[in-house]
Amino acid sequence: MKRGFIFLALVFLSTALSAQNYFLGNLFKARRSLSCDWLDTKHEFGIYGLGGVLSLPFDSKGITTMTNKKTSGYLGGGVGFSYTYFLDNPRQVIVNNRWAINAGVEIAFYGLTVDIDNIDRYTSLDYVDVKQQAIFQRHEIHDNFHESKRATYVNVPIMLTYLRPAFTNHKFYVSGGVKVGALMSGTFVKKSDKMVVYGHFPKTQTTLPDHIGDDMKDIGIGTWDGGISDDGKLPFDINTALAFETGFRWRNVNPPVWYTGVYADYGTSKIWTAGLKFKVTFW
């Protein structure tokens, strides 16, 4: 009797162990059939590169007339480090859609090139009356005007990301948020072939001198056949931009995981960007 009981106990234990091994083996296979990063991580650390048109603004303040303006986009780029925190529970057997918060820091390179055949702009207002109406304007007319800028910004993006399945084993993502940037360094160059400076009285619609070209260079009014040639540093700037990004997160059982997408930003300083982005993540 005891031998029969022991035999049945051994058969039961063997069956239980076999079932357990079968279940754990199938579970392990199921985990491997899915991207393991979708099951057991709430954090991602990554590095990325971006490239495209990264354009600085052209200052149009005070321009009264402008002929044949040509703006050349600047092909710039940047590199950055990112951190992603997934908001949902990572330990679900099957995960369809996910939400995440992304933050990071990047260095980006911007530029601008503008050529204008003829431009008339007033660069200063002097002698304002009690009603704050300009009674004198200093105008500059330039022939074959050229301006170029180059700048490097440090940006801090903060984005909310939504991901959903795509192409069976991969993920489609959409991100939106803000990007705050500070100017690290920047330079400008301005040139023209000819410059005419005159004074204008808006209330009386008269100019000083009456005939453009009269010699009044002692007070900064007259004609300079050589134009201007000026260069210097850009003033410090803080740019807050709306940021958008979309693309794909490519499935991989083990790190790294690849992201490829397109992005666009537009900021309060009228800085705008658009291009491609590539990111590789580890955790």
C-alpha atoms as a PDB file:
ATOM      1  CA  MET A   1       0.000   0.000   0.000  1.00  0.00           C
ATOM      2  CA  LYS A   2       2.772   2.376   0.951  1.00  0.00           C
ATOM      3  CA  ARG A   3       4.652   1.471  -2.232  1.00  0.00           C
ATOM      4  CA  GLY A   4       1.535   2.246  -4.337  1.00  0.00           C
ATOM      5  CA  PHE A   5       1.060   5.581  -2.608  1.00  0.00           C
ATOM      6  CA  ILE A   6       4.702   6.501  -3.139  1.00  0.00           C
ATOM      7  CA  PHE A   7       4.443   5.474  -6.802  1.00  0.00           C
ATOM      8  CA  LEU A   8       1.348   7.619  -7.359  1.00  0.00           C
ATOM      9  CA  ALA A   9       3.022  10.572  -5.588  1.00  0.00           C
ATOM     10  CA  LEU A  10       6.067  10.275  -7.837  1.00  0.00           C
ATOM     11  CA  VAL A  11       3.857  10.096 -10.955  1.00  0.00           C
ATOM     12  CA  PHE A  12       1.949  13.188  -9.795  1.00  0.00           C
ATOM     13  CA  LEU A  13       5.152  15.099  -9.027  1.00  0.00           C
ATOM     14  CA  SER A  14       6.672  14.118 -12.357  1.00  0.00           C
ATOM     15  CA  THR A  15       3.543  15.209 -14.198  1.00  0.00           C
ATOM     16  CA  ALA A  16       3.486  18.529 -12.321  1.00  0.00           C
ATOM     17  CA  LEU A  17       7.132  19.204 -13.080  1.00  0.00           C
ATOM     18  CA  SER A  18       6.627  18.344 -16.743  1.00  0.00           C
ATOM     19  CA  ALA A  19       3.629  20.699 -16.934  1.00  0.00           C
ATOM     20  CA  GLN A  20       5.590  23.443 -15.205  1.00  0.00           C
ATOM     21  CA  ASN A  21       8.525  23.043 -17.583  1.00  0.00           C
ATOM     22  CA  TYR A  22       6.154  23.046 -20.551  1.00  0.00           C
ATOM     23  CA  PHE A  23       4.418  26.218 -19.317  1.00  0.00           C
ATOM     24  CA  LEU A  24       7.673  28.055 -18.539  1.00  0.00           C
ATOM     25  CA  GLY A  25       9.185  26.997 -21.841  1.00  0.00           C
ATOM     26  CA  ASN A  26       6.198  28.260 -23.799  1.00  0.00           C
ATOM     27  CA  LEU A  27       6.166  31.477 -21.782  1.00  0.00           C
ATOM     28  CA  PHE A  28       9.850  32.006 -22.523  1.00  0.00           C
ATOM     29  CA  LYS A  29       9.197  31.437 -26.218  1.00  0.00           C
ATOM     30  CA  ALA A  30       6.290  33.876 -26.106  1.00  0.00           C
ATOM     31  CA  ARG A  31       8.492  36.496 -24.495  1.00  0.00           C
ATOM     32  CA  ARG A  32      11.125  35.997 -27.168  1.00  0.00           C
ATOM     33  CA  SER A  33       8.514  36.179 -29.937  1.00  0.00           C
ATOM     34  CA  LEU A  34       7.668  39.658 -28.700  1.00  0.00           C
ATOM     35  CA  SER A  35      10.140  42.499 -28.408  1.00  0.00           C
ATOM     36  CA  CYS A  36      11.358  42.105 -24.865  1.00  0.00           C
ATOM     37  CA  ASP A  37      11.689  45.873 -24.466  1.00  0.00           C
ATOM     38  CA  TRP A  38       7.904  46.109 -24.760  1.00  0.00           C
ATOM     39  CA  LEU A  39       7.461  43.791 -21.776  1.00  0.00           C
ATOM     40  CA  ASP A  40       9.957  44.642 -19.099  1.00  0.00           C
ATOM     41  CA  THR A  41      11.176  48.223 -19.385  1.00  0.00           C
ATOM     42  CA  LYS A  42       9.787  51.604 -18.484  1.00  0.00           C
ATOM     43  CA  HIS A  43      12.951  53.496 -19.398  1.00  0.00           C
ATOM     44  CA  GLU A  44      14.960  54.130 -22.550  1.00  0.00           C
ATOM     45  CA  PHE A  45      18.181  56.079 -22.970  1.00  0.00           C
ATOM     46  CA  GLY A  46      19.254  57.007 -26.463  1.00  0.00           C
ATOM     47  CA  ILE A  47      21.432  59.121 -28.706  1.00  0.00           C
ATOM     48  CA  TYR A  48      20.194  60.674 -31.933  1.00  0.00           C
ATOM     49  CA  GLY A  49      21.147  62.740 -34.916  1.00  0.00           C
ATOM     50  CA  LEU A  50      19.032  65.098 -36.990  1.00  0.00           C
ATOM     51  CA  GLY A  51      19.481  66.865 -40.289  1.00  0.00           C
ATOM     52  CA  GLY A  52      17.530  69.104 -42.619  1.00  0.00           C
ATOM     53  CA  VAL A  53      16.734  72.782 -43.064  1.00  0.00           C
ATOM     54  CA  LEU A  54      17.453  74.706 -39.850  1.00  0.00           C
ATOM     55  CA  SER A  55      16.669  78.343 -40.619  1.00  0.00           C
ATOM     56  CA  LEU A  56      17.266  81.535 -38.662  1.00  0.00           C
ATOM     57  CA  PRO A  57      14.906  84.541 -39.099  1.00  0.00           C
ATOM     58  CA  PHE A  58      15.453  87.557 -41.343  1.00  0.00           C
ATOM     59  CA  ASP A  59      14.807  90.852 -39.564  1.00  0.00           C
ATOM     60  CA  SER A  60      12.212  92.690 -41.682  1.00  0.00           C
ATOM     61  CA  LYS A  61      11.563  95.463 -39.166  1.00  0.00           C
ATOM     62  CA  GLY A  62      11.519  98.907 -40.757  1.00  0.00           C
ATOM     63  CA  ILE A  63      11.565  97.715 -44.380  1.00  0.00           C
ATOM     64  CA  THR A  64       9.480  99.932 -46.655  1.00  0.00           C
ATOM     65  CA  THR A  65      10.414  98.502 -50.069  1.00  0.00           C
ATOM     66  CA  MET A  66      12.257  95.367 -51.125  1.00  0.00           C
ATOM     67  CA  THR A  67      13.041  94.079 -54.633  1.00  0.00           C
ATOM     68  CA  ASN A  68      13.787  90.475 -55.645  1.00  0.00           C
ATOM     69  CA  LYS A  69      14.491  88.864 -52.295  1.00  0.00           C
ATOM     70  CA  LYS A  70      16.167  85.446 -52.418  1.00  0.00           C
ATOM     71  CA  THR A  71      16.417  83.333 -49.270  1.00  0.00           C
ATOM     72  CA  SER A  72      18.608  80.253 -49.238  1.00  0.00           C
ATOM     73  CA  GLY A  73      17.791  77.498 -46.757  1.00  0.00           C
ATOM     74  CA  TYR A  74      20.592  76.301 -44.547  1.00  0.00           C
ATOM     75  CA  LEU A  75      21.256  72.571 -44.418  1.00  0.00           C
ATOM     76  CA  GLY A  76      22.147  72.087 -40.795  1.00  0.00           C
ATOM     77  CA  GLY A  77      21.960  69.324 -38.241  1.00  0.00           C
ATOM     78  CA  GLY A  78      22.465  68.348 -34.656  1.00  0.00           C
ATOM     79  CA  VAL A  79      23.111  65.608 -32.134  1.00  0.00           C
ATOM     80  CA  GLY A  80      21.433  64.863 -28.829  1.00  0.00           C
ATOM     81  CA  PHE A  81      20.790  62.587 -25.866  1.00  0.00           C
ATOM     82  CA  SER A  82      17.266  61.466 -24.946  1.00  0.00           C
ATOM     83  CA  TYR A  83      15.444  59.794 -22.080  1.00  0.00           C
ATOM     84  CA  THR A  84      12.036  58.101 -22.471  1.00  0.00           C
ATOM     85  CA  TYR A  85       9.708  57.117 -19.630  1.00  0.00           C
ATOM     86  CA  PHE A  86       6.781  54.859 -20.560  1.00  0.00           C
ATOM     87  CA  LEU A  87       3.612  55.763 -18.680  1.00  0.00           C
ATOM     88  CA  ASP A  88       1.819  52.414 -18.857  1.00  0.00           C
ATOM     89  CA  ASN A  89       2.494  49.051 -17.165  1.00  0.00           C
ATOM     90  CA  PRO A  90       5.351  47.336 -19.034  1.00  0.00           C
ATOM     91  CA  ARG A  91       4.623  43.857 -17.652  1.00  0.00           C
ATOM     92  CA  GLN A  92       1.615  43.090 -19.776  1.00  0.00           C
ATOM     93  CA  VAL A  93       1.590  39.885 -21.778  1.00  0.00           C
ATOM     94  CA  ILE A  94       0.483  41.780 -24.896  1.00  0.00           C
ATOM     95  CA  VAL A  95       1.003  45.515 -25.325  1.00  0.00           C
ATOM     96  CA  ASN A  96      -0.759  47.247 -28.226  1.00  0.00           C
ATOM     97  CA  ASN A  97      -0.543  50.974 -27.636  1.00  0.00           C
ATOM     98  CA  ARG A  98       1.806  52.889 -25.373  1.00  0.00           C
ATOM     99  CA  TRP A  99       2.239  56.418 -24.053  1.00  0.00           C
ATOM    100  CA  ALA A 100       5.578  57.917 -23.098  1.00  0.00           C
ATOM    101  CA  ILE A 101       7.259  61.150 -22.068  1.00  0.00           C
ATOM    102  CA  ASN A 102      10.519  62.103 -23.790  1.00  0.00           C
ATOM    103  CA  ALA A 103      13.093  64.620 -22.606  1.00  0.00           C
ATOM    104  CA  GLY A 104      16.673  65.337 -23.536  1.00  0.00           C
ATOM    105  CA  VAL A 105      19.278  67.833 -24.593  1.00  0.00           C
ATOM    106  CA  GLU A 106      20.665  68.557 -28.062  1.00  0.00           C
ATOM    107  CA  ILE A 107      23.096  70.827 -29.886  1.00  0.00           C
ATOM    108  CA  ALA A 108      21.798  72.118 -33.238  1.00  0.00           C
ATOM    109  CA  PHE A 109      23.362  74.242 -35.976  1.00  0.00           C
ATOM    110  CA  TYR A 110      21.275  76.881 -37.804  1.00  0.00           C
ATOM    111  CA  GLY A 111      21.855  79.366 -40.613  1.00  0.00           C
ATOM    112  CA  LEU A 112      20.401  81.884 -43.062  1.00  0.00           C
ATOM    113  CA  THR A 113      21.476  83.485 -46.340  1.00  0.00           C
ATOM    114  CA  VAL A 114      19.532  86.382 -47.909  1.00  0.00           C
ATOM    115  CA  ASP A 115      20.245  88.322 -51.123  1.00  0.00           C
ATOM    116  CA  ILE A 116      18.156  91.372 -52.130  1.00  0.00           C
ATOM    117  CA  ASP A 117      18.624  93.509 -55.258  1.00  0.00           C
ATOM    118  CA  ASN A 118      17.364  96.685 -53.593  1.00  0.00           C
ATOM    119  CA  ILE A 119      16.109  97.343 -50.071  1.00  0.00           C
ATOM    120  CA  ASP A 120      14.899 100.470 -48.258  1.00  0.00           C
ATOM    121  CA  ARG A 121      14.573 100.316 -44.494  1.00  0.00           C
ATOM    122  CA  TYR A 122      14.675 102.768 -41.647  1.00  0.00           C
ATOM    123  CA  THR A 123      17.039 101.689 -38.936  1.00  0.00           C
ATOM    124  CA  SER A 124      16.255 104.251 -36.236  1.00  0.00           C
ATOM    125  CA  LEU A 125      13.591 106.612 -34.972  1.00  0.00           C
ATOM    126  CA  ASP A 126      14.608 109.913 -33.439  1.00  0.00           C
ATOM    127  CA  TYR A 127      12.798 112.792 -31.792  1.00  0.00           C
ATOM    128  CA  VAL A 128       9.381 111.391 -30.906  1.00  0.00           C
ATOM    129  CA  ASP A 129       6.578 113.700 -29.830  1.00  0.00           C
ATOM    130  CA  VAL A 130       4.307 113.299 -26.796  1.00  0.00           C
ATOM    131  CA  LYS A 131       1.973 111.062 -28.799  1.00  0.00           C
ATOM    132  CA  GLN A 132       4.884 108.699 -29.530  1.00  0.00           C
ATOM    133  CA  GLN A 133       4.619 109.359 -33.266  1.00  0.00           C
ATOM    134  CA  ALA A 134       7.909 109.378 -35.159  1.00  0.00           C
ATOM    135  CA  ILE A 135       8.735 112.779 -36.600  1.00  0.00           C
ATOM    136  CA  PHE A 136      12.089 111.731 -38.047  1.00  0.00           C
ATOM    137  CA  GLN A 137      13.239 108.487 -39.637  1.00  0.00           C
ATOM    138  CA  ARG A 138      16.721 107.513 -40.783  1.00  0.00           C
ATOM    139  CA  HIS A 139      16.505 105.410 -43.948  1.00  0.00           C
ATOM    140  CA  GLU A 140      19.118 103.235 -45.628  1.00  0.00           C
ATOM    141  CA  ILE A 141      18.846 102.118 -49.251  1.00  0.00           C
ATOM    142  CA  HIS A 142      21.126  99.250 -50.270  1.00  0.00           C
ATOM    143  CA  ASP A 143      21.870  97.835 -53.711  1.00  0.00           C
ATOM    144  CA  ASN A 144      22.798  94.135 -53.949  1.00  0.00           C
ATOM    145  CA  PHE A 145      22.326  93.562 -50.243  1.00  0.00           C
ATOM    146  CA  HIS A 146      23.641  90.306 -48.750  1.00  0.00           C
ATOM    147  CA  GLU A 147      23.198  88.919 -45.231  1.00  0.00           C
ATOM    148  CA  SER A 148      24.268  85.600 -43.753  1.00  0.00           C
ATOM    149  CA  LYS A 149      23.970  84.182 -40.240  1.00  0.00           C
ATOM    150  CA  ARG A 150      25.260  81.097 -38.450  1.00  0.00           C
ATOM    151  CA  ALA A 151      24.249  80.025 -34.958  1.00  0.00           C
ATOM    152  CA  THR A 152      24.572  77.148 -32.497  1.00  0.00           C
ATOM    153  CA  TYR A 153      21.779  76.497 -30.001  1.00  0.00           C
ATOM    154  CA  VAL A 154      21.462  74.174 -27.018  1.00  0.00           C
ATOM    155  CA  ASN A 155      17.894  72.838 -27.016  1.00  0.00           C
ATOM    156  CA  VAL A 156      15.912  70.981 -24.350  1.00  0.00           C
ATOM    157  CA  PRO A 157      12.917  69.110 -25.857  1.00  0.00           C
ATOM    158  CA  ILE A 158      10.009  67.814 -23.747  1.00  0.00           C
ATOM    159  CA  MET A 159       7.586  65.641 -25.737  1.00  0.00           C
ATOM    160  CA  LEU A 160       4.558  63.404 -25.230  1.00  0.00           C
ATOM    161  CA  THR A 161       4.667  60.297 -27.456  1.00  0.00           C
ATOM    162  CA  TYR A 162       1.958  57.896 -28.577  1.00  0.00           C
ATOM    163  CA  LEU A 163       2.919  54.526 -30.100  1.00  0.00           C
ATOM    164  CA  ARG A 164       0.804  51.875 -31.803  1.00  0.00           C
ATOM    165  CA  PRO A 165       1.498  48.661 -33.781  1.00  0.00           C
ATOM    166  CA  ALA A 166       2.607  48.926 -37.412  1.00  0.00           C
ATOM    167  CA  PHE A 167       3.816  46.373 -39.956  1.00  0.00           C
ATOM    168  CA  THR A 168       2.959  43.526 -37.550  1.00  0.00           C
ATOM    169  CA  ASN A 169       6.092  43.650 -35.400  1.00  0.00           C
ATOM    170  CA  HIS A 170       6.997  47.348 -35.278  1.00  0.00           C
ATOM    171  CA  LYS A 171       5.571  50.579 -33.890  1.00  0.00           C
ATOM    172  CA  PHE A 172       4.349  53.829 -35.403  1.00  0.00           C
ATOM    173  CA  TYR A 173       4.819  56.863 -33.174  1.00  0.00           C
ATOM    174  CA  VAL A 174       3.694  60.495 -33.006  1.00  0.00           C
ATOM    175  CA  SER A 175       5.268  63.046 -30.658  1.00  0.00           C
ATOM    176  CA  GLY A 176       4.348  66.606 -29.802  1.00  0.00           C
ATOM    177  CA  GLY A 177       5.617  69.116 -27.294  1.00  0.00           C
ATOM    178  CA  VAL A 178       7.914  72.076 -26.769  1.00  0.00           C
ATOM    179  CA  LYS A 179      11.591  72.727 -27.287  1.00  0.00           C
ATOM    180  CA  VAL A 180      13.403  75.491 -25.383  1.00  0.00           C
ATOM    181  CA  GLY A 181      16.730  76.634 -26.819  1.00  0.00           C
ATOM    182  CA  ALA A 182      19.476  79.049 -25.811  1.00  0.00           C
ATOM    183  CA  LEU A 183      21.998  80.588 -28.214  1.00  0.00           C
ATOM    184  CA  MET A 184      25.526  79.340 -27.526  1.00  0.00           C
ATOM    185  CA  SER A 185      27.283  81.232 -30.298  1.00  0.00           C
ATOM    186  CA  GLY A 186      26.323  83.093 -33.453  1.00  0.00           C
ATOM    187  CA  THR A 187      27.807  85.359 -36.113  1.00  0.00           C
ATOM    188  CA  PHE A 188      26.464  87.551 -38.938  1.00  0.00           C
ATOM    189  CA  VAL A 189      27.831  89.200 -42.085  1.00  0.00           C
ATOM    190  CA  LYS A 190      26.165  92.097 -43.967  1.00  0.00           C
ATOM    191  CA  LYS A 191      27.349  93.506 -47.302  1.00  0.00           C
ATOM    192  CA  SER A 192      26.083  95.748 -50.098  1.00  0.00           C
ATOM    193  CA  ASP A 193      27.495  97.381 -53.241  1.00  0.00           C
ATOM    194  CA  LYS A 194      25.999 100.835 -52.644  1.00  0.00           C
ATOM    195  CA  MET A 195      24.305 102.610 -49.724  1.00  0.00           C
ATOM    196  CA  VAL A 196      22.237 105.788 -49.664  1.00  0.00           C
ATOM    197  CA  VAL A 197      21.189 107.279 -46.319  1.00  0.00           C
ATOM    198  CA  TYR A 198      18.489 109.954 -46.029  1.00  0.00           C
ATOM    199  CA  GLY A 199      16.216 111.435 -43.396  1.00  0.00           C
ATOM    200  CA  HIS A 200      12.453 111.349 -43.745  1.00  0.00           C
ATOM    201  CA  PHE A 201       9.757 113.375 -41.969  1.00  0.00           C
ATOM    202  CA  PRO A 202       6.511 111.329 -42.163  1.00  0.00           C
ATOM    203  CA  LYS A 203       4.236 114.151 -41.025  1.00  0.00           C
ATOM    204  CA  THR A 204       5.407 116.573 -43.696  1.00  0.00           C
ATOM    205  CA  GLN A 205       6.482 113.927 -46.238  1.00  0.00           C
ATOM    206  CA  THR A 206       9.832 115.648 -46.823  1.00  0.00           C
ATOM    207  CA  THR A 207      13.342 114.250 -46.989  1.00  0.00           C
ATOM    208  CA  LEU A 208      16.746 115.449 -45.853  1.00  0.00           C
ATOM    209  CA  PRO A 209      18.502 116.393 -48.041  1.00  0.00           C
ATOM    210  CA  ASP A 210      15.993 117.459 -50.675  1.00  0.00           C
ATOM    211  CA  HIS A 211      18.121 115.838 -53.385  1.00  0.00           C
ATOM    212  CA  ILE A 212      19.547 112.440 -52.535  1.00  0.00           C
ATOM    213  CA  GLY A 213      23.284 112.550 -53.003  1.00  0.00           C
ATOM    214  CA  ASP A 214      24.000 115.942 -51.467  1.00  0.00           C
ATOM    215  CA  ASP A 215      27.085 115.799 -49.309  1.00  0.00           C
ATOM    216  CA  MET A 216      25.897 115.616 -45.669  1.00  0.00           C
ATOM    217  CA  LYS A 217      28.079 112.710 -44.595  1.00  0.00           C
ATOM    218  CA  ASP A 218      29.191 114.620 -41.499  1.00  0.00           C
ATOM    219  CA  ILE A 219      25.770 113.873 -39.998  1.00  0.00           C
ATOM    220  CA  GLY A 220      25.512 110.413 -41.560  1.00  0.00           C
ATOM    221  CA  ILE A 221      23.469 111.327 -44.633  1.00  0.00           C
ATOM    222  CA  GLY A 222      24.675 110.839 -48.185  1.00  0.00           C
ATOM    223  CA  THR A 223      25.809 108.221 -50.713  1.00  0.00           C
ATOM    224  CA  TRP A 224      28.467 105.550 -50.174  1.00  0.00           C
ATOM    225  CA  ASP A 225      29.389 103.858 -53.455  1.00  0.00           C
ATOM    226  CA  GLY A 226      31.258 101.126 -51.652  1.00  0.00           C
ATOM    227  CA  GLY A 227      28.173 100.095 -49.694  1.00  0.00           C
ATOM    228  CA  ILE A 228      28.682  98.446 -46.327  1.00  0.00           C
ATOM    229  CA  SER A 229      30.710  95.555 -44.990  1.00  0.00           C
ATOM    230  CA  ASP A 230      29.801  94.617 -41.442  1.00  0.00           C
ATOM    231  CA  ASP A 231      30.158  91.518 -39.295  1.00  0.00           C
ATOM    232  CA  GLY A 232      29.799  90.614 -35.656  1.00  0.00           C
ATOM    233  CA  LYS A 233      28.174  88.387 -33.077  1.00  0.00           C
ATOM    234  CA  LEU A 234      24.477  87.678 -32.734  1.00  0.00           C
ATOM    235  CA  PRO A 235      22.840  88.815 -29.480  1.00  0.00           C
ATOM    236  CA  PHE A 236      21.862  86.222 -26.879  1.00  0.00           C
ATOM    237  CA  ASP A 237      18.494  84.651 -27.581  1.00  0.00           C
ATOM    238  CA  ILE A 238      16.029  82.244 -25.950  1.00  0.00           C
ATOM    239  CA  ASN A 239      13.815  80.394 -28.421  1.00  0.00           C
ATOM    240  CA  THR A 240      10.701  78.454 -27.385  1.00  0.00           C
ATOM    241  CA  ALA A 241       9.402  76.245 -30.189  1.00  0.00           C
ATOM    242  CA  LEU A 242       6.458  73.985 -30.824  1.00  0.00           C
ATOM    243  CA  ALA A 243       7.886  70.598 -31.818  1.00  0.00           C
ATOM    244  CA  PHE A 244       6.370  67.734 -33.815  1.00  0.00           C
ATOM    245  CA  GLU A 245       7.814  64.358 -34.780  1.00  0.00           C
ATOM    246  CA  THR A 246       6.526  61.151 -36.347  1.00  0.00           C
ATOM    247  CA  GLY A 247       8.054  57.909 -37.581  1.00  0.00           C
ATOM    248  CA  PHE A 248       8.662  54.273 -36.695  1.00  0.00           C
ATOM    249  CA  ARG A 249      10.184  52.340 -33.844  1.00  0.00           C
ATOM    250  CA  TRP A 250      11.773  49.208 -35.299  1.00  0.00           C
ATOM    251  CA  ARG A 251      11.312  45.971 -33.338  1.00  0.00           C
ATOM    252  CA  ASN A 252      14.358  44.286 -31.896  1.00  0.00           C
ATOM    253  CA  VAL A 253      14.424  41.467 -29.327  1.00  0.00           C
ATOM    254  CA  ASN A 254      17.582  42.832 -27.729  1.00  0.00           C
ATOM    255  CA  PRO A 255      19.011  46.354 -27.510  1.00  0.00           C
ATOM    256  CA  PRO A 256      19.582  48.546 -29.410  1.00  0.00           C
ATOM    257  CA  VAL A 257      16.210  49.725 -30.734  1.00  0.00           C
ATOM    258  CA  TRP A 258      16.091  52.064 -33.740  1.00  0.00           C
ATOM    259  CA  TYR A 259      13.825  55.038 -34.355  1.00  0.00           C
ATOM    260  CA  THR A 260      13.552  56.752 -37.757  1.00  0.00           C
ATOM    261  CA  GLY A 261      11.292  59.701 -38.431  1.00  0.00           C
ATOM    262  CA  VAL A 262      10.684  63.242 -39.628  1.00  0.00           C
ATOM    263  CA  TYR A 263      10.418  66.341 -37.449  1.00  0.00           C
ATOM    264  CA  ALA A 264       9.444  70.023 -37.623  1.00  0.00           C
ATOM    265  CA  ASP A 265       9.802  72.915 -35.149  1.00  0.00           C
ATOM    266  CA  TYR A 266       8.671  76.547 -35.174  1.00  0.00           C
ATOM    267  CA  GLY A 267       9.759  78.969 -32.469  1.00  0.00           C
ATOM    268  CA  THR A 268       8.952  82.323 -30.927  1.00  0.00           C
ATOM    269  CA  SER A 269      12.165  83.754 -32.418  1.00  0.00           C
ATOM    270  CA  LYS A 270      10.833  82.724 -35.870  1.00  0.00           C
ATOM    271  CA  ILE A 271      13.409  79.951 -36.014  1.00  0.00           C
ATOM    272  CA  TRP A 272      12.051  76.955 -37.914  1.00  0.00           C
ATOM    273  CA  THR A 273      13.392  73.527 -38.764  1.00  0.00           C
ATOM    274  CA  ALA A 274      12.294  70.481 -40.751  1.00  0.00           C
ATOM    275  CA  GLY A 275      14.136  67.299 -41.601  1.00  0.00           C
ATOM    276  CA  LEU A 276      14.986  63.702 -40.718  1.00  0.00           C
ATOM    277  CA  LYS A 277      15.808  62.168 -37.347  1.00  0.00           C
ATOM    278  CA  PHE A 278      17.549  58.904 -36.429  1.00  0.00           C
ATOM    279  CA  LYS A 279      17.778  57.560 -32.885  1.00  0.00           C
ATOM    280  CA  VAL A 280      19.255  54.450 -31.285  1.00  0.00           C
ATOM    281  CA  THR A 281      18.241  53.539 -27.718  1.00  0.00           C
ATOM    282  CA  PHE A 282      19.649  51.406 -24.910  1.00  0.00           C
ATOM    283  CA  TRP A 283      18.364  50.681 -21.388  1.00  0.00           C
END
